[in-house]
PDB file of all heavy atoms in Angstrom:
ATOM      1  N   VAL A   1    -148.723   3.700  53.646  1.00  0.00           N
ATOM      2  CA  VAL A   1    -147.832   2.597  53.228  1.00  0.00           C
ATOM      3  C   VAL A   1    -146.957   2.003  54.397  1.00  0.00           C
ATOM      4  O   VAL A   1    -146.911   0.860  54.558  1.00  0.00           O
ATOM      5  CB  VAL A   1    -146.892   3.083  52.114  1.00  0.00           C
ATOM      6  CG1 VAL A   1    -145.743   2.098  51.781  1.00  0.00           C
ATOM      7  CG2 VAL A   1    -147.629   3.403  50.858  1.00  0.00           C
ATOM      8  N   ALA A   2    -146.346   2.902  55.249  1.00  0.00           N
ATOM      9  CA  ALA A   2    -145.654   2.559  56.358  1.00  0.00           C
ATOM     10  C   ALA A   2    -146.550   1.766  57.361  1.00  0.00           C
ATOM     11  O   ALA A   2    -146.033   0.719  57.874  1.00  0.00           O
ATOM     12  CB  ALA A   2    -145.022   3.741  57.063  1.00  0.00           C
ATOM     13  N   GLU A   3    -147.761   2.100  57.626  1.00  0.00           N
ATOM     14  CA  GLU A   3    -148.632   1.375  58.454  1.00  0.00           C
ATOM     15  C   GLU A   3    -149.004   0.203  57.994  1.00  0.00           C
ATOM     16  O   GLU A   3    -149.030  -0.854  58.805  1.00  0.00           O
ATOM     17  CB  GLU A   3    -149.927   2.384  58.702  1.00  0.00           C
ATOM     18  CG  GLU A   3    -150.819   1.684  59.832  1.00  0.00           C
ATOM     19  CD  GLU A   3    -152.070   2.708  60.096  1.00  0.00           C
ATOM     20  OE1 GLU A   3    -151.793   3.908  59.750  1.00  0.00           O
ATOM     21  OE2 GLU A   3    -152.988   2.260  60.391  1.00  0.00           O
ATOM     22  N   THR A   4    -149.192   0.038  56.599  1.00  0.00           N
ATOM     23  CA  THR A   4    -149.511  -1.259  55.970  1.00  0.00           C
ATOM     24  C   THR A   4    -148.331  -2.268  56.061  1.00  0.00           C
ATOM     25  O   THR A   4    -148.552  -3.423  56.387  1.00  0.00           O
ATOM     26  CB  THR A   4    -149.933  -0.942  54.468  1.00  0.00           C
ATOM     27  OG1 THR A   4    -151.090  -0.195  54.443  1.00  0.00           O
ATOM     28  CG2 THR A   4    -150.352  -2.448  53.849  1.00  0.00           C
ATOM     29  N   ARG A   5    -147.135  -1.693  55.865  1.00  0.00           N
ATOM     30  CA  ARG A   5    -145.930  -2.648  56.131  1.00  0.00           C
ATOM     31  C   ARG A   5    -145.868  -3.193  57.430  1.00  0.00           C
ATOM     32  O   ARG A   5    -145.517  -4.340  57.726  1.00  0.00           O
ATOM     33  CB  ARG A   5    -144.681  -1.868  55.700  1.00  0.00           C
ATOM     34  CG  ARG A   5    -144.442  -1.589  54.180  1.00  0.00           C
ATOM     35  CD  ARG A   5    -143.209  -0.893  53.970  1.00  0.00           C
ATOM     36  NE  ARG A   5    -143.028  -0.599  52.592  1.00  0.00           N
ATOM     37  CZ  ARG A   5    -142.192   0.087  51.990  1.00  0.00           C
ATOM     38  NH1 ARG A   5    -141.340   0.781  52.728  1.00  0.00           N
ATOM     39  NH2 ARG A   5    -142.165   0.215  50.668  1.00  0.00           N
ATOM     40  N   VAL A   6    -146.010  -2.321  58.474  1.00  0.00           N
ATOM     41  CA  VAL A   6    -146.019  -2.757  59.864  1.00  0.00           C
ATOM     42  C   VAL A   6    -147.011  -3.774  60.034  1.00  0.00           C
ATOM     43  O   VAL A   6    -146.856  -4.884  60.662  1.00  0.00           O
ATOM     44  CB  VAL A   6    -146.083  -1.531  60.749  1.00  0.00           C
ATOM     45  CG1 VAL A   6    -146.356  -2.050  62.281  1.00  0.00           C
ATOM     46  CG2 VAL A   6    -144.923  -0.602  60.727  1.00  0.00           C
ATOM     47  N   PHE A   7    -148.280  -3.475  59.646  1.00  0.00           N
ATOM     48  CA  PHE A   7    -149.375  -4.469  59.839  1.00  0.00           C
ATOM     49  C   PHE A   7    -149.164  -5.705  59.162  1.00  0.00           C
ATOM     50  O   PHE A   7    -149.416  -6.787  59.690  1.00  0.00           O
ATOM     51  CB  PHE A   7    -150.737  -3.851  59.285  1.00  0.00           C
ATOM     52  CG  PHE A   7    -151.877  -4.554  59.734  1.00  0.00           C
ATOM     53  CD1 PHE A   7    -152.417  -4.670  60.876  1.00  0.00           C
ATOM     54  CD2 PHE A   7    -152.544  -5.384  58.700  1.00  0.00           C
ATOM     55  CE1 PHE A   7    -153.503  -5.427  61.287  1.00  0.00           C
ATOM     56  CE2 PHE A   7    -153.671  -6.021  58.953  1.00  0.00           C
ATOM     57  CZ  PHE A   7    -154.074  -6.096  60.335  1.00  0.00           C
ATOM     58  N   LEU A   8    -148.705  -5.840  57.880  1.00  0.00           N
ATOM     59  CA  LEU A   8    -148.357  -7.008  57.206  1.00  0.00           C
ATOM     60  C   LEU A   8    -147.361  -7.837  57.898  1.00  0.00           C
ATOM     61  O   LEU A   8    -147.443  -9.081  57.984  1.00  0.00           O
ATOM     62  CB  LEU A   8    -148.040  -6.758  55.719  1.00  0.00           C
ATOM     63  CG  LEU A   8    -149.111  -6.343  54.862  1.00  0.00           C
ATOM     64  CD1 LEU A   8    -148.615  -5.898  53.500  1.00  0.00           C
ATOM     65  CD2 LEU A   8    -150.222  -7.435  54.707  1.00  0.00           C
ATOM     66  N   THR A   9    -146.271  -7.147  58.376  1.00  0.00           N
ATOM     67  CA  THR A   9    -145.372  -7.842  59.258  1.00  0.00           C
ATOM     68  C   THR A   9    -145.883  -8.513  60.369  1.00  0.00           C
ATOM     69  O   THR A   9    -145.476  -9.710  60.853  1.00  0.00           O
ATOM     70  CB  THR A   9    -144.077  -6.846  59.598  1.00  0.00           C
ATOM     71  OG1 THR A   9    -143.623  -6.252  58.436  1.00  0.00           O
ATOM     72  CG2 THR A   9    -143.033  -7.645  60.379  1.00  0.00           C
ATOM     73  N   ARG A  10    -146.777  -7.770  61.018  1.00  0.00           N
ATOM     74  CA  ARG A  10    -147.457  -8.385  62.277  1.00  0.00           C
ATOM     75  C   ARG A  10    -148.224  -9.534  61.899  1.00  0.00           C
ATOM     76  O   ARG A  10    -148.215 -10.551  62.620  1.00  0.00           O
ATOM     77  CB  ARG A  10    -148.341  -7.217  62.940  1.00  0.00           C
ATOM     78  CG  ARG A  10    -148.959  -7.762  64.133  1.00  0.00           C
ATOM     79  CD  ARG A  10    -149.640  -6.559  64.681  1.00  0.00           C
ATOM     80  NE  ARG A  10    -150.584  -7.139  65.829  1.00  0.00           N
ATOM     81  CZ  ARG A  10    -151.701  -6.650  66.181  1.00  0.00           C
ATOM     82  NH1 ARG A  10    -152.181  -5.600  65.509  1.00  0.00           N
ATOM     83  NH2 ARG A  10    -152.433  -7.196  67.197  1.00  0.00           N
ATOM     84  N   VAL A  11    -148.924  -9.484  60.846  1.00  0.00           N
ATOM     85  CA  VAL A  11    -149.851 -10.655  60.354  1.00  0.00           C
ATOM     86  C   VAL A  11    -149.058 -11.826  60.070  1.00  0.00           C
ATOM     87  O   VAL A  11    -149.259 -12.938  60.499  1.00  0.00           O
ATOM     88  CB  VAL A  11    -150.702 -10.274  59.058  1.00  0.00           C
ATOM     89  CG1 VAL A  11    -151.379 -11.463  58.549  1.00  0.00           C
ATOM     90  CG2 VAL A  11    -151.622  -9.184  59.523  1.00  0.00           C
ATOM     91  N   GLU A  12    -147.848 -11.563  59.427  1.00  0.00           N
ATOM     92  CA  GLU A  12    -146.941 -12.747  59.106  1.00  0.00           C
ATOM     93  C   GLU A  12    -146.455 -13.321  60.322  1.00  0.00           C
ATOM     94  O   GLU A  12    -146.327 -14.567  60.378  1.00  0.00           O
ATOM     95  CB  GLU A  12    -145.728 -12.149  58.171  1.00  0.00           C
ATOM     96  CG  GLU A  12    -144.867 -13.258  57.757  1.00  0.00           C
ATOM     97  CD  GLU A  12    -143.617 -12.698  56.897  1.00  0.00           C
ATOM     98  OE1 GLU A  12    -143.554 -11.566  56.745  1.00  0.00           O
ATOM     99  OE2 GLU A  12    -142.944 -13.661  56.404  1.00  0.00           O
ATOM    100  N   LYS A  13    -146.002 -12.492  61.333  1.00  0.00           N
ATOM    101  CA  LYS A  13    -145.535 -13.116  62.579  1.00  0.00           C
ATOM    102  C   LYS A  13    -146.623 -13.864  63.320  1.00  0.00           C
ATOM    103  O   LYS A  13    -146.343 -14.835  63.807  1.00  0.00           O
ATOM    104  CB  LYS A  13    -144.998 -11.908  63.487  1.00  0.00           C
ATOM    105  CG  LYS A  13    -143.748 -11.400  63.036  1.00  0.00           C
ATOM    106  CD  LYS A  13    -143.164 -10.312  63.899  1.00  0.00           C
ATOM    107  CE  LYS A  13    -141.959  -9.661  63.497  1.00  0.00           C
ATOM    108  NZ  LYS A  13    -141.500  -8.524  64.185  1.00  0.00           N
ATOM    109  N   GLU A  14    -147.769 -13.345  63.250  1.00  0.00           N
ATOM    110  CA  GLU A  14    -148.912 -14.072  63.937  1.00  0.00           C
ATOM    111  C   GLU A  14    -149.276 -15.407  63.217  1.00  0.00           C
ATOM    112  O   GLU A  14    -149.524 -16.395  63.917  1.00  0.00           O
ATOM    113  CB  GLU A  14    -150.232 -13.195  63.952  1.00  0.00           C
ATOM    114  CG  GLU A  14    -150.057 -11.884  64.787  1.00  0.00           C
ATOM    115  CD  GLU A  14    -149.805 -12.203  66.278  1.00  0.00           C
ATOM    116  OE1 GLU A  14    -150.019 -13.312  66.818  1.00  0.00           O
ATOM    117  OE2 GLU A  14    -149.312 -11.343  66.961  1.00  0.00           O
ATOM    118  N   ILE A  15    -149.213 -15.383  61.908  1.00  0.00           N
ATOM    119  CA  ILE A  15    -149.344 -16.649  61.261  1.00  0.00           C
ATOM    120  C   ILE A  15    -148.332 -17.671  61.565  1.00  0.00           C
ATOM    121  O   ILE A  15    -148.542 -18.875  61.919  1.00  0.00           O
ATOM    122  CB  ILE A  15    -149.390 -16.413  59.673  1.00  0.00           C
ATOM    123  CG1 ILE A  15    -150.717 -15.691  59.239  1.00  0.00           C
ATOM    124  CG2 ILE A  15    -149.298 -17.746  58.833  1.00  0.00           C
ATOM    125  CD1 ILE A  15    -150.677 -15.319  57.898  1.00  0.00           C
ATOM    126  N   LEU A  16    -147.103 -17.187  61.706  1.00  0.00           N
ATOM    127  CA  LEU A  16    -145.934 -18.098  62.119  1.00  0.00           C
ATOM    128  C   LEU A  16    -146.100 -18.500  63.572  1.00  0.00           C
ATOM    129  O   LEU A  16    -145.493 -19.575  63.932  1.00  0.00           O
ATOM    130  CB  LEU A  16    -144.648 -17.452  61.813  1.00  0.00           C
ATOM    131  CG  LEU A  16    -144.261 -17.106  60.380  1.00  0.00           C
ATOM    132  CD1 LEU A  16    -142.908 -16.356  60.336  1.00  0.00           C
ATOM    133  CD2 LEU A  16    -144.197 -18.439  59.581  1.00  0.00           C
ATOM    134  N   GLN A  17    -146.863 -17.896  64.355  1.00  0.00           N
ATOM    135  CA  GLN A  17    -147.089 -18.236  65.760  1.00  0.00           C
ATOM    136  C   GLN A  17    -148.123 -19.287  65.893  1.00  0.00           C
ATOM    137  O   GLN A  17    -148.191 -19.927  67.003  1.00  0.00           O
ATOM    138  CB  GLN A  17    -147.382 -17.024  66.654  1.00  0.00           C
ATOM    139  CG  GLN A  17    -146.290 -16.001  66.651  1.00  0.00           C
ATOM    140  CD  GLN A  17    -145.056 -16.640  67.356  1.00  0.00           C
ATOM    141  OE1 GLN A  17    -145.147 -17.354  68.422  1.00  0.00           O
ATOM    142  NE2 GLN A  17    -143.859 -16.280  66.876  1.00  0.00           N
ATOM    143  N   LEU A  18    -148.920 -19.459  64.841  1.00  0.00           N
ATOM    144  CA  LEU A  18    -149.877 -20.558  64.944  1.00  0.00           C
ATOM    145  C   LEU A  18    -149.237 -21.967  65.035  1.00  0.00           C
ATOM    146  O   LEU A  18    -148.028 -22.052  64.757  1.00  0.00           O
ATOM    147  CB  LEU A  18    -150.757 -20.549  63.627  1.00  0.00           C
ATOM    148  CG  LEU A  18    -151.721 -19.424  63.412  1.00  0.00           C
ATOM    149  CD1 LEU A  18    -152.335 -19.521  61.998  1.00  0.00           C
ATOM    150  CD2 LEU A  18    -152.802 -19.237  64.494  1.00  0.00           C
ATOM    151  N   SER A  19    -149.938 -22.942  65.553  1.00  0.00           N
ATOM    152  CA  SER A  19    -149.346 -24.248  65.717  1.00  0.00           C
ATOM    153  C   SER A  19    -149.048 -24.721  64.306  1.00  0.00           C
ATOM    154  O   SER A  19    -149.759 -24.198  63.301  1.00  0.00           O
ATOM    155  CB  SER A  19    -150.362 -25.214  66.336  1.00  0.00           C
ATOM    156  OG  SER A  19    -151.460 -25.394  65.584  1.00  0.00           O
ATOM    157  N   GLU A  20    -148.133 -25.661  64.179  1.00  0.00           N
ATOM    158  CA  GLU A  20    -147.844 -26.066  62.802  1.00  0.00           C
ATOM    159  C   GLU A  20    -149.007 -26.655  61.999  1.00  0.00           C
ATOM    160  O   GLU A  20    -149.159 -26.462  60.885  1.00  0.00           O
ATOM    161  CB  GLU A  20    -146.669 -27.102  62.878  1.00  0.00           C
ATOM    162  CG  GLU A  20    -146.264 -27.680  61.480  1.00  0.00           C
ATOM    163  CD  GLU A  20    -145.053 -28.567  61.688  1.00  0.00           C
ATOM    164  OE1 GLU A  20    -144.586 -28.883  62.725  1.00  0.00           O
ATOM    165  OE2 GLU A  20    -144.644 -29.157  60.601  1.00  0.00           O
ATOM    166  N   GLU A  21    -149.833 -27.454  62.786  1.00  0.00           N
ATOM    167  CA  GLU A  21    -151.001 -28.033  62.303  1.00  0.00           C
ATOM    168  C   GLU A  21    -151.985 -26.909  61.712  1.00  0.00           C
ATOM    169  O   GLU A  21    -152.574 -27.159  60.648  1.00  0.00           O
ATOM    170  CB  GLU A  21    -151.758 -28.940  63.326  1.00  0.00           C
ATOM    171  CG  GLU A  21    -150.968 -30.189  63.646  1.00  0.00           C
ATOM    172  CD  GLU A  21    -149.908 -29.876  64.828  1.00  0.00           C
ATOM    173  OE1 GLU A  21    -150.004 -28.794  65.455  1.00  0.00           O
ATOM    174  OE2 GLU A  21    -149.125 -30.782  65.090  1.00  0.00           O
ATOM    175  N   GLN A  22    -152.192 -25.910  62.422  1.00  0.00           N
ATOM    176  CA  GLN A  22    -153.190 -24.866  62.042  1.00  0.00           C
ATOM    177  C   GLN A  22    -152.505 -24.154  60.804  1.00  0.00           C
ATOM    178  O   GLN A  22    -153.262 -23.694  59.925  1.00  0.00           O
ATOM    179  CB  GLN A  22    -153.418 -23.888  63.121  1.00  0.00           C
ATOM    180  CG  GLN A  22    -154.260 -24.542  64.272  1.00  0.00           C
ATOM    181  CD  GLN A  22    -154.427 -23.553  65.432  1.00  0.00           C
ATOM    182  OE1 GLN A  22    -154.010 -22.420  65.410  1.00  0.00           O
ATOM    183  NE2 GLN A  22    -155.040 -24.061  66.470  1.00  0.00           N
ATOM    184  N   ARG A  23    -151.243 -23.808  60.963  1.00  0.00           N
ATOM    185  CA  ARG A  23    -150.539 -22.978  59.920  1.00  0.00           C
ATOM    186  C   ARG A  23    -150.521 -23.727  58.549  1.00  0.00           C
ATOM    187  O   ARG A  23    -150.915 -23.247  57.526  1.00  0.00           O
ATOM    188  CB  ARG A  23    -149.229 -22.619  60.379  1.00  0.00           C
ATOM    189  CG  ARG A  23    -148.540 -21.697  59.443  1.00  0.00           C
ATOM    190  CD  ARG A  23    -147.103 -21.268  59.979  1.00  0.00           C
ATOM    191  NE  ARG A  23    -146.165 -22.400  60.094  1.00  0.00           N
ATOM    192  CZ  ARG A  23    -145.788 -22.854  61.266  1.00  0.00           C
ATOM    193  NH1 ARG A  23    -146.218 -22.332  62.361  1.00  0.00           N
ATOM    194  NH2 ARG A  23    -144.978 -23.908  61.307  1.00  0.00           N
ATOM    195  N   ILE A  24    -150.459 -25.115  58.630  1.00  0.00           N
ATOM    196  CA  ILE A  24    -150.384 -25.897  57.389  1.00  0.00           C
ATOM    197  C   ILE A  24    -151.734 -25.928  56.768  1.00  0.00           C
ATOM    198  O   ILE A  24    -151.883 -25.679  55.471  1.00  0.00           O
ATOM    199  CB  ILE A  24    -149.883 -27.306  57.620  1.00  0.00           C
ATOM    200  CG1 ILE A  24    -148.432 -27.270  57.934  1.00  0.00           C
ATOM    201  CG2 ILE A  24    -150.200 -28.324  56.511  1.00  0.00           C
ATOM    202  CD1 ILE A  24    -147.878 -28.637  58.457  1.00  0.00           C
ATOM    203  N   VAL A  25    -152.746 -26.191  57.461  1.00  0.00           N
ATOM    204  CA  VAL A  25    -154.134 -26.187  56.951  1.00  0.00           C
ATOM    205  C   VAL A  25    -154.481 -24.750  56.457  1.00  0.00           C
ATOM    206  O   VAL A  25    -155.079 -24.645  55.381  1.00  0.00           O
ATOM    207  CB  VAL A  25    -155.166 -26.682  58.101  1.00  0.00           C
ATOM    208  CG1 VAL A  25    -156.639 -26.510  57.534  1.00  0.00           C
ATOM    209  CG2 VAL A  25    -154.922 -28.098  58.353  1.00  0.00           C
ATOM    210  N   LEU A  26    -154.242 -23.786  57.070  1.00  0.00           N
ATOM    211  CA  LEU A  26    -154.515 -22.346  56.746  1.00  0.00           C
ATOM    212  C   LEU A  26    -153.850 -22.107  55.358  1.00  0.00           C
ATOM    213  O   LEU A  26    -154.435 -21.459  54.462  1.00  0.00           O
ATOM    214  CB  LEU A  26    -154.017 -21.377  57.777  1.00  0.00           C
ATOM    215  CG  LEU A  26    -154.257 -19.956  57.463  1.00  0.00           C
ATOM    216  CD1 LEU A  26    -155.808 -19.709  57.696  1.00  0.00           C
ATOM    217  CD2 LEU A  26    -153.535 -18.981  58.369  1.00  0.00           C
ATOM    218  N   MET A  27    -152.554 -22.535  55.228  1.00  0.00           N
ATOM    219  CA  MET A  27    -151.916 -22.279  54.002  1.00  0.00           C
ATOM    220  C   MET A  27    -152.417 -23.092  52.882  1.00  0.00           C
ATOM    221  O   MET A  27    -152.577 -22.713  51.796  1.00  0.00           O
ATOM    222  CB  MET A  27    -150.387 -22.666  54.186  1.00  0.00           C
ATOM    223  CG  MET A  27    -149.617 -21.563  54.953  1.00  0.00           C
ATOM    224  SD  MET A  27    -147.867 -21.959  55.083  1.00  0.00           S
ATOM    225  CE  MET A  27    -147.835 -23.570  55.809  1.00  0.00           C
ATOM    226  N   LEU A  28    -152.726 -24.391  53.089  1.00  0.00           N
ATOM    227  CA  LEU A  28    -153.323 -25.308  52.043  1.00  0.00           C
ATOM    228  C   LEU A  28    -154.658 -24.710  51.518  1.00  0.00           C
ATOM    229  O   LEU A  28    -154.846 -24.727  50.327  1.00  0.00           O
ATOM    230  CB  LEU A  28    -153.326 -26.685  52.578  1.00  0.00           C
ATOM    231  CG  LEU A  28    -152.242 -27.479  52.794  1.00  0.00           C
ATOM    232  CD1 LEU A  28    -152.491 -28.691  53.531  1.00  0.00           C
ATOM    233  CD2 LEU A  28    -151.410 -27.715  51.584  1.00  0.00           C
ATOM    234  N   VAL A  29    -155.516 -24.229  52.384  1.00  0.00           N
ATOM    235  CA  VAL A  29    -156.878 -23.862  51.987  1.00  0.00           C
ATOM    236  C   VAL A  29    -156.882 -22.439  51.562  1.00  0.00           C
ATOM    237  O   VAL A  29    -157.370 -22.134  50.539  1.00  0.00           O
ATOM    238  CB  VAL A  29    -157.853 -24.120  53.167  1.00  0.00           C
ATOM    239  CG1 VAL A  29    -159.239 -23.480  52.800  1.00  0.00           C
ATOM    240  CG2 VAL A  29    -157.844 -25.540  53.430  1.00  0.00           C
ATOM    241  N   CYS A  30    -156.229 -21.455  52.272  1.00  0.00           N
ATOM    242  CA  CYS A  30    -156.399 -20.157  52.026  1.00  0.00           C
ATOM    243  C   CYS A  30    -155.405 -19.490  51.050  1.00  0.00           C
ATOM    244  O   CYS A  30    -155.635 -18.699  50.217  1.00  0.00           O
ATOM    245  CB  CYS A  30    -156.324 -19.208  53.350  1.00  0.00           C
ATOM    246  SG  CYS A  30    -157.594 -19.537  54.488  1.00  0.00           S
ATOM    247  N   VAL A  31    -154.180 -20.111  51.124  1.00  0.00           N
ATOM    248  CA  VAL A  31    -153.246 -19.702  50.175  1.00  0.00           C
ATOM    249  C   VAL A  31    -153.027 -20.414  48.900  1.00  0.00           C
ATOM    250  O   VAL A  31    -153.070 -20.009  47.858  1.00  0.00           O
ATOM    251  CB  VAL A  31    -151.788 -19.580  50.934  1.00  0.00           C
ATOM    252  CG1 VAL A  31    -150.688 -19.208  49.974  1.00  0.00           C
ATOM    253  CG2 VAL A  31    -151.823 -18.721  52.155  1.00  0.00           C
TER     254      VAL A  31
END
C-alpha cells in the first residue's frame, strides 16, 4: 500500500510535468 501510494504520487507528478497540450489530450482521451 505504501509503495503504491508513492508510485501513484509519482505518476501524478509526471502527468503534471507533461506539456499542457499533451496533458489535455491525455485527459480528454484516457480519463
